[in-house]
Amino acid sequence: MWRVRARRGAWEDLQLALVEGCRHRLEITIPAAAFQAETANALEKVRQKVHLKGFRPGKAPAAIIRQHYMGEIARKRSTS
């Protein structure tokens, strides 16, 4: 098992296991608090940039931003 330091000081556990031949299985464990903090940070960044009808830029409620953009935020957070 390897331990590596992730961004912003959170710890991740990596486990690499040989499945068969040249196939491997990689398991990554990220603490829930670190994941939630990253998600909240990404949500705030989107909130500052997005323009929704009826709201001033940067003033839309987080719940509405989450409704409209959470899928995109999750995809970006999982690939970075």
Foldseek 3Di string as FASTA:
>chain_A
DDWDQDPPRWIKDWDWADDDDPDIDIDIDGDPVVVVVLLVVLLQVVQQQDDDPPDDRSGDDSVVSCVPCVVVSVVVVVVD
